[in-house]
């Protein structure tokens, strides 16, 4: 039983998958934030151009 627990504690394959998942989630949040900001700024520019025309 102690060998099983020791082997389980040394196994890091699940932790690596979780770390990759967290990195992907963080990148997705950054991309969504950037796209939202660019979209808002672009919409404001179009509205300014439209009102000037």
PDB file of N, CA and C in Angstrom:
ATOM      1  N   UNK A   1       0.822  -1.195   0.000  1.00  0.00           N
ATOM      2  CA  UNK A   1       0.000   0.000   0.000  1.00  0.00           C
ATOM      3  C   UNK A   1       0.862   1.253   0.000  1.00  0.00           C
ATOM      4  N   UNK A   2       1.965   1.231   0.724  1.00  0.00           N
ATOM      5  CA  UNK A   2       2.820   2.424   0.777  1.00  0.00           C
ATOM      6  C   UNK A   2       3.489   2.672  -0.574  1.00  0.00           C
ATOM      7  N   UNK A   3       3.765   1.586  -1.329  1.00  0.00           N
ATOM      8  CA  UNK A   3       4.334   1.771  -2.667  1.00  0.00           C
ATOM      9  C   UNK A   3       3.333   2.476  -3.583  1.00  0.00           C
ATOM     10  N   UNK A   4       2.068   2.111  -3.458  1.00  0.00           N
ATOM     11  CA  UNK A   4       1.036   2.734  -4.274  1.00  0.00           C
ATOM     12  C   UNK A   4       0.918   4.228  -3.959  1.00  0.00           C
ATOM     13  N   UNK A   5       0.930   4.571  -2.686  1.00  0.00           N
ATOM     14  CA  UNK A   5       0.819   5.976  -2.275  1.00  0.00           C
ATOM     15  C   UNK A   5       2.039   6.753  -2.738  1.00  0.00           C
ATOM     16  N   UNK A   6       3.221   6.174  -2.607  1.00  0.00           N
ATOM     17  CA  UNK A   6       4.448   6.840  -3.038  1.00  0.00           C
ATOM     18  C   UNK A   6       4.431   7.063  -4.543  1.00  0.00           C
ATOM     19  N   UNK A   7       4.034   6.054  -5.281  1.00  0.00           N
ATOM     20  CA  UNK A   7       3.966   6.178  -6.735  1.00  0.00           C
ATOM     21  C   UNK A   7       2.907   7.209  -7.147  1.00  0.00           C
ATOM     22  N   UNK A   8       1.783   7.227  -6.427  1.00  0.00           N
ATOM     23  CA  UNK A   8       0.722   8.192  -6.719  1.00  0.00           C
ATOM     24  C   UNK A   8       1.190   9.620  -6.455  1.00  0.00           C
ATOM     25  N   UNK A   9       1.952   9.833  -5.396  1.00  0.00           N
ATOM     26  CA  UNK A   9       2.428  11.180  -5.060  1.00  0.00           C
ATOM     27  C   UNK A   9       3.484  11.671  -6.050  1.00  0.00           C
ATOM     28  N   UNK A  10       4.239  10.755  -6.659  1.00  0.00           N
ATOM     29  CA  UNK A  10       5.279  11.140  -7.612  1.00  0.00           C
ATOM     30  C   UNK A  10       4.738  11.326  -9.019  1.00  0.00           C
ATOM     31  N   UNK A  11       3.545  10.811  -9.295  1.00  0.00           N
ATOM     32  CA  UNK A  11       2.962  10.918 -10.633  1.00  0.00           C
ATOM     33  C   UNK A  11       2.521  12.350 -10.872  1.00  0.00           C
ATOM     34  N   UNK A  12       3.103  13.008 -11.866  1.00  0.00           N
ATOM     35  CA  UNK A  12       2.797  14.405 -12.149  1.00  0.00           C
ATOM     36  C   UNK A  12       2.090  14.596 -13.484  1.00  0.00           C
ATOM     37  N   UNK A  13       1.664  13.547 -14.127  1.00  0.00           N
ATOM     38  CA  UNK A  13       1.038  13.689 -15.440  1.00  0.00           C
ATOM     39  C   UNK A  13      -0.284  14.437 -15.354  1.00  0.00           C
ATOM     40  N   UNK A  14      -1.064  14.209 -14.334  1.00  0.00           N
ATOM     41  CA  UNK A  14      -2.318  14.932 -14.170  1.00  0.00           C
ATOM     42  C   UNK A  14      -2.083  16.401 -13.859  1.00  0.00           C
ATOM     43  N   UNK A  15      -1.067  16.679 -13.049  1.00  0.00           N
ATOM     44  CA  UNK A  15      -0.747  18.065 -12.698  1.00  0.00           C
ATOM     45  C   UNK A  15      -0.303  18.833 -13.939  1.00  0.00           C
ATOM     46  N   UNK A  16       0.435  18.176 -14.815  1.00  0.00           N
ATOM     47  CA  UNK A  16       0.880  18.834 -16.041  1.00  0.00           C
ATOM     48  C   UNK A  16      -0.305  19.171 -16.929  1.00  0.00           C
ATOM     49  N   UNK A  17      -1.248  18.269 -17.030  1.00  0.00           N
ATOM     50  CA  UNK A  17      -2.440  18.529 -17.844  1.00  0.00           C
ATOM     51  C   UNK A  17      -3.236  19.696 -17.268  1.00  0.00           C
ATOM     52  N   UNK A  18      -3.336  19.754 -15.959  1.00  0.00           N
ATOM     53  CA  UNK A  18      -4.058  20.860 -15.322  1.00  0.00           C
ATOM     54  C   UNK A  18      -3.332  22.177 -15.571  1.00  0.00           C
ATOM     55  N   UNK A  19      -2.012  22.164 -15.484  1.00  0.00           N
ATOM     56  CA  UNK A  19      -1.235  23.384 -15.738  1.00  0.00           C
ATOM     57  C   UNK A  19      -1.437  23.862 -17.177  1.00  0.00           C
ATOM     58  N   UNK A  20      -1.409  22.942 -18.128  1.00  0.00           N
ATOM     59  CA  UNK A  20      -1.654  23.325 -19.524  1.00  0.00           C
ATOM     60  C   UNK A  20      -3.064  23.883 -19.688  1.00  0.00           C
ATOM     61  N   UNK A  21      -4.025  23.285 -19.025  1.00  0.00           N
ATOM     62  CA  UNK A  21      -5.393  23.777 -19.086  1.00  0.00           C
ATOM     63  C   UNK A  21      -5.517  25.187 -18.531  1.00  0.00           C
ATOM     64  N   UNK A  22      -4.831  25.464 -17.435  1.00  0.00           N
ATOM     65  CA  UNK A  22      -4.858  26.805 -16.851  1.00  0.00           C
ATOM     66  C   UNK A  22      -4.192  27.823 -17.774  1.00  0.00           C
ATOM     67  N   UNK A  23      -3.098  27.425 -18.416  1.00  0.00           N
ATOM     68  CA  UNK A  23      -2.414  28.328 -19.350  1.00  0.00           C
ATOM     69  C   UNK A  23      -3.330  28.645 -20.533  1.00  0.00           C
ATOM     70  N   UNK A  24      -3.988  27.636 -21.067  1.00  0.00           N
ATOM     71  CA  UNK A  24      -4.898  27.843 -22.193  1.00  0.00           C
ATOM     72  C   UNK A  24      -6.061  28.750 -21.776  1.00  0.00           C
ATOM     73  N   UNK A  25      -6.585  28.538 -20.586  1.00  0.00           N
ATOM     74  CA  UNK A  25      -7.681  29.379 -20.105  1.00  0.00           C
ATOM     75  C   UNK A  25      -7.227  30.826 -19.944  1.00  0.00           C
ATOM     76  N   UNK A  26      -6.023  31.035 -19.428  1.00  0.00           N
ATOM     77  CA  UNK A  26      -5.504  32.392 -19.262  1.00  0.00           C
ATOM     78  C   UNK A  26      -5.310  33.079 -20.614  1.00  0.00           C
ATOM     79  N   UNK A  27      -4.775  32.347 -21.582  1.00  0.00           N
ATOM     80  CA  UNK A  27      -4.594  32.904 -22.924  1.00  0.00           C
ATOM     81  C   UNK A  27      -5.949  33.252 -23.536  1.00  0.00           C
ATOM     82  N   UNK A  28      -6.945  32.396 -23.330  1.00  0.00           N
ATOM     83  CA  UNK A  28      -8.283  32.665 -23.862  1.00  0.00           C
ATOM     84  C   UNK A  28      -8.869  33.931 -23.246  1.00  0.00           C
ATOM     85  N   UNK A  29      -8.675  34.124 -21.951  1.00  0.00           N
ATOM     86  CA  UNK A  29      -9.191  35.331 -21.295  1.00  0.00           C
ATOM     87  C   UNK A  29      -8.508  36.571 -21.853  1.00  0.00           C
ATOM     88  N   UNK A  30      -7.201  36.500 -22.075  1.00  0.00           N
ATOM     89  CA  UNK A  30      -6.467  37.638 -22.634  1.00  0.00           C
ATOM     90  C   UNK A  30      -6.957  37.954 -24.040  1.00  0.00           C
ATOM     91  N   UNK A  31      -7.166  36.933 -24.855  1.00  0.00           N
ATOM     92  CA  UNK A  31      -7.640  37.143 -26.224  1.00  0.00           C
ATOM     93  C   UNK A  31      -9.045  37.751 -26.218  1.00  0.00           C
ATOM     94  N   UNK A  32      -9.921  37.234 -25.380  1.00  0.00           N
ATOM     95  CA  UNK A  32     -11.289  37.765 -25.312  1.00  0.00           C
ATOM     96  C   UNK A  32     -11.272  39.219 -24.871  1.00  0.00           C
ATOM     97  N   UNK A  33     -10.449  39.545 -23.894  1.00  0.00           N
ATOM     98  CA  UNK A  33     -10.349  40.926 -23.424  1.00  0.00           C
ATOM     99  C   UNK A  33      -9.827  41.842 -24.520  1.00  0.00           C
ATOM    100  N   UNK A  34      -8.796  41.393 -25.237  1.00  0.00           N
ATOM    101  CA  UNK A  34      -8.230  42.214 -26.310  1.00  0.00           C
ATOM    102  C   UNK A  34      -9.233  42.433 -27.428  1.00  0.00           C
ATOM    103  N   UNK A  35      -9.929  41.394 -27.831  1.00  0.00           N
ATOM    104  CA  UNK A  35     -10.906  41.518 -28.915  1.00  0.00           C
ATOM    105  C   UNK A  35     -12.066  42.423 -28.499  1.00  0.00           C
ATOM    106  N   UNK A  36     -12.505  42.302 -27.271  1.00  0.00           N
ATOM    107  CA  UNK A  36     -13.584  43.161 -26.782  1.00  0.00           C
ATOM    108  C   UNK A  36     -13.149  44.623 -26.770  1.00  0.00           C
ATOM    109  N   UNK A  37     -11.934  44.886 -26.307  1.00  0.00           N
ATOM    110  CA  UNK A  37     -11.426  46.262 -26.268  1.00  0.00           C
ATOM    111  C   UNK A  37     -11.286  46.841 -27.664  1.00  0.00           C
ATOM    112  N   UNK A  38     -10.723  46.068 -28.572  1.00  0.00           N
ATOM    113  CA  UNK A  38     -10.573  46.539 -29.948  1.00  0.00           C
ATOM    114  C   UNK A  38     -11.938  46.775 -30.580  1.00  0.00           C
ATOM    115  N   UNK A  39     -12.881  45.887 -30.340  1.00  0.00           N
ATOM    116  CA  UNK A  39     -14.224  46.050 -30.895  1.00  0.00           C
ATOM    117  C   UNK A  39     -14.914  47.292 -30.370  1.00  0.00           C
ATOM    118  N   UNK A  40     -14.759  47.564 -29.098  1.00  0.00           N
ATOM    119  CA  UNK A  40     -15.364  48.766 -28.518  1.00  0.00           C
ATOM    120  C   UNK A  40     -14.743  50.026 -29.097  1.00  0.00           C
ATOM    121  N   UNK A  41     -13.426  50.045 -29.193  1.00  0.00           N
ATOM    122  CA  UNK A  41     -12.740  51.216 -29.762  1.00  0.00           C
ATOM    123  C   UNK A  41     -13.100  51.409 -31.234  1.00  0.00           C
ATOM    124  N   UNK A  42     -13.173  50.321 -31.976  1.00  0.00           N
ATOM    125  CA  UNK A  42     -13.524  50.405 -33.389  1.00  0.00           C
ATOM    126  C   UNK A  42     -14.954  50.902 -33.570  1.00  0.00           C
ATOM    127  N   UNK A  43     -15.842  50.435 -32.732  1.00  0.00           N
ATOM    128  CA  UNK A  43     -17.221  50.895 -32.801  1.00  0.00           C
ATOM    129  C   UNK A  43     -17.307  52.388 -32.505  1.00  0.00           C
ATOM    130  N   UNK A  44     -16.562  52.856 -31.546  1.00  0.00           N
ATOM    131  CA  UNK A  44     -16.552  54.284 -31.223  1.00  0.00           C
ATOM    132  C   UNK A  44     -16.008  55.099 -32.401  1.00  0.00           C
ATOM    133  N   UNK A  45     -14.976  54.599 -33.055  1.00  0.00           N
ATOM    134  CA  UNK A  45     -14.424  55.297 -34.212  1.00  0.00           C
ATOM    135  C   UNK A  45     -15.445  55.368 -35.342  1.00  0.00           C
ATOM    136  N   UNK A  46     -16.130  54.268 -35.631  1.00  0.00           N
ATOM    137  CA  UNK A  46     -17.143  54.266 -36.676  1.00  0.00           C
ATOM    138  C   UNK A  46     -18.282  55.227 -36.350  1.00  0.00           C
ATOM    139  N   UNK A  47     -18.684  55.267 -35.085  1.00  0.00           N
ATOM    140  CA  UNK A  47     -19.738  56.198 -34.697  1.00  0.00           C
ATOM    141  C   UNK A  47     -19.293  57.641 -34.869  1.00  0.00           C
ATOM    142  N   UNK A  48     -18.039  57.939 -34.557  1.00  0.00           N
ATOM    143  CA  UNK A  48     -17.501  59.286 -34.754  1.00  0.00           C
ATOM    144  C   UNK A  48     -17.473  59.651 -36.237  1.00  0.00           C
ATOM    145  N   UNK A  49     -17.025  58.723 -37.060  1.00  0.00           N
ATOM    146  CA  UNK A  49     -16.974  58.961 -38.509  1.00  0.00           C
ATOM    147  C   UNK A  49     -18.385  59.149 -39.049  1.00  0.00           C
ATOM    148  N   UNK A  50     -19.305  58.320 -38.574  1.00  0.00           N
ATOM    149  CA  UNK A  50     -20.695  58.418 -39.038  1.00  0.00           C
ATOM    150  C   UNK A  50     -21.308  59.765 -38.656  1.00  0.00           C
ATOM    151  N   UNK A  51     -21.048  60.231 -37.479  1.00  0.00           N
ATOM    152  CA  UNK A  51     -21.625  61.512 -37.069  1.00  0.00           C
ATOM    153  C   UNK A  51     -20.974  62.683 -37.790  1.00  0.00           C
ATOM    154  N   UNK A  52     -19.720  62.555 -38.199  1.00  0.00           N
ATOM    155  CA  UNK A  52     -19.056  63.613 -38.942  1.00  0.00           C
ATOM    156  C   UNK A  52     -19.513  63.678 -40.397  1.00  0.00           C
ATOM    157  N   UNK A  53     -19.953  62.549 -40.926  1.00  0.00           N
ATOM    158  CA  UNK A  53     -20.431  62.533 -42.308  1.00  0.00           C
ATOM    159  C   UNK A  53     -21.830  63.081 -42.316  1.00  0.00           C
TER     160      UNK A  53
END
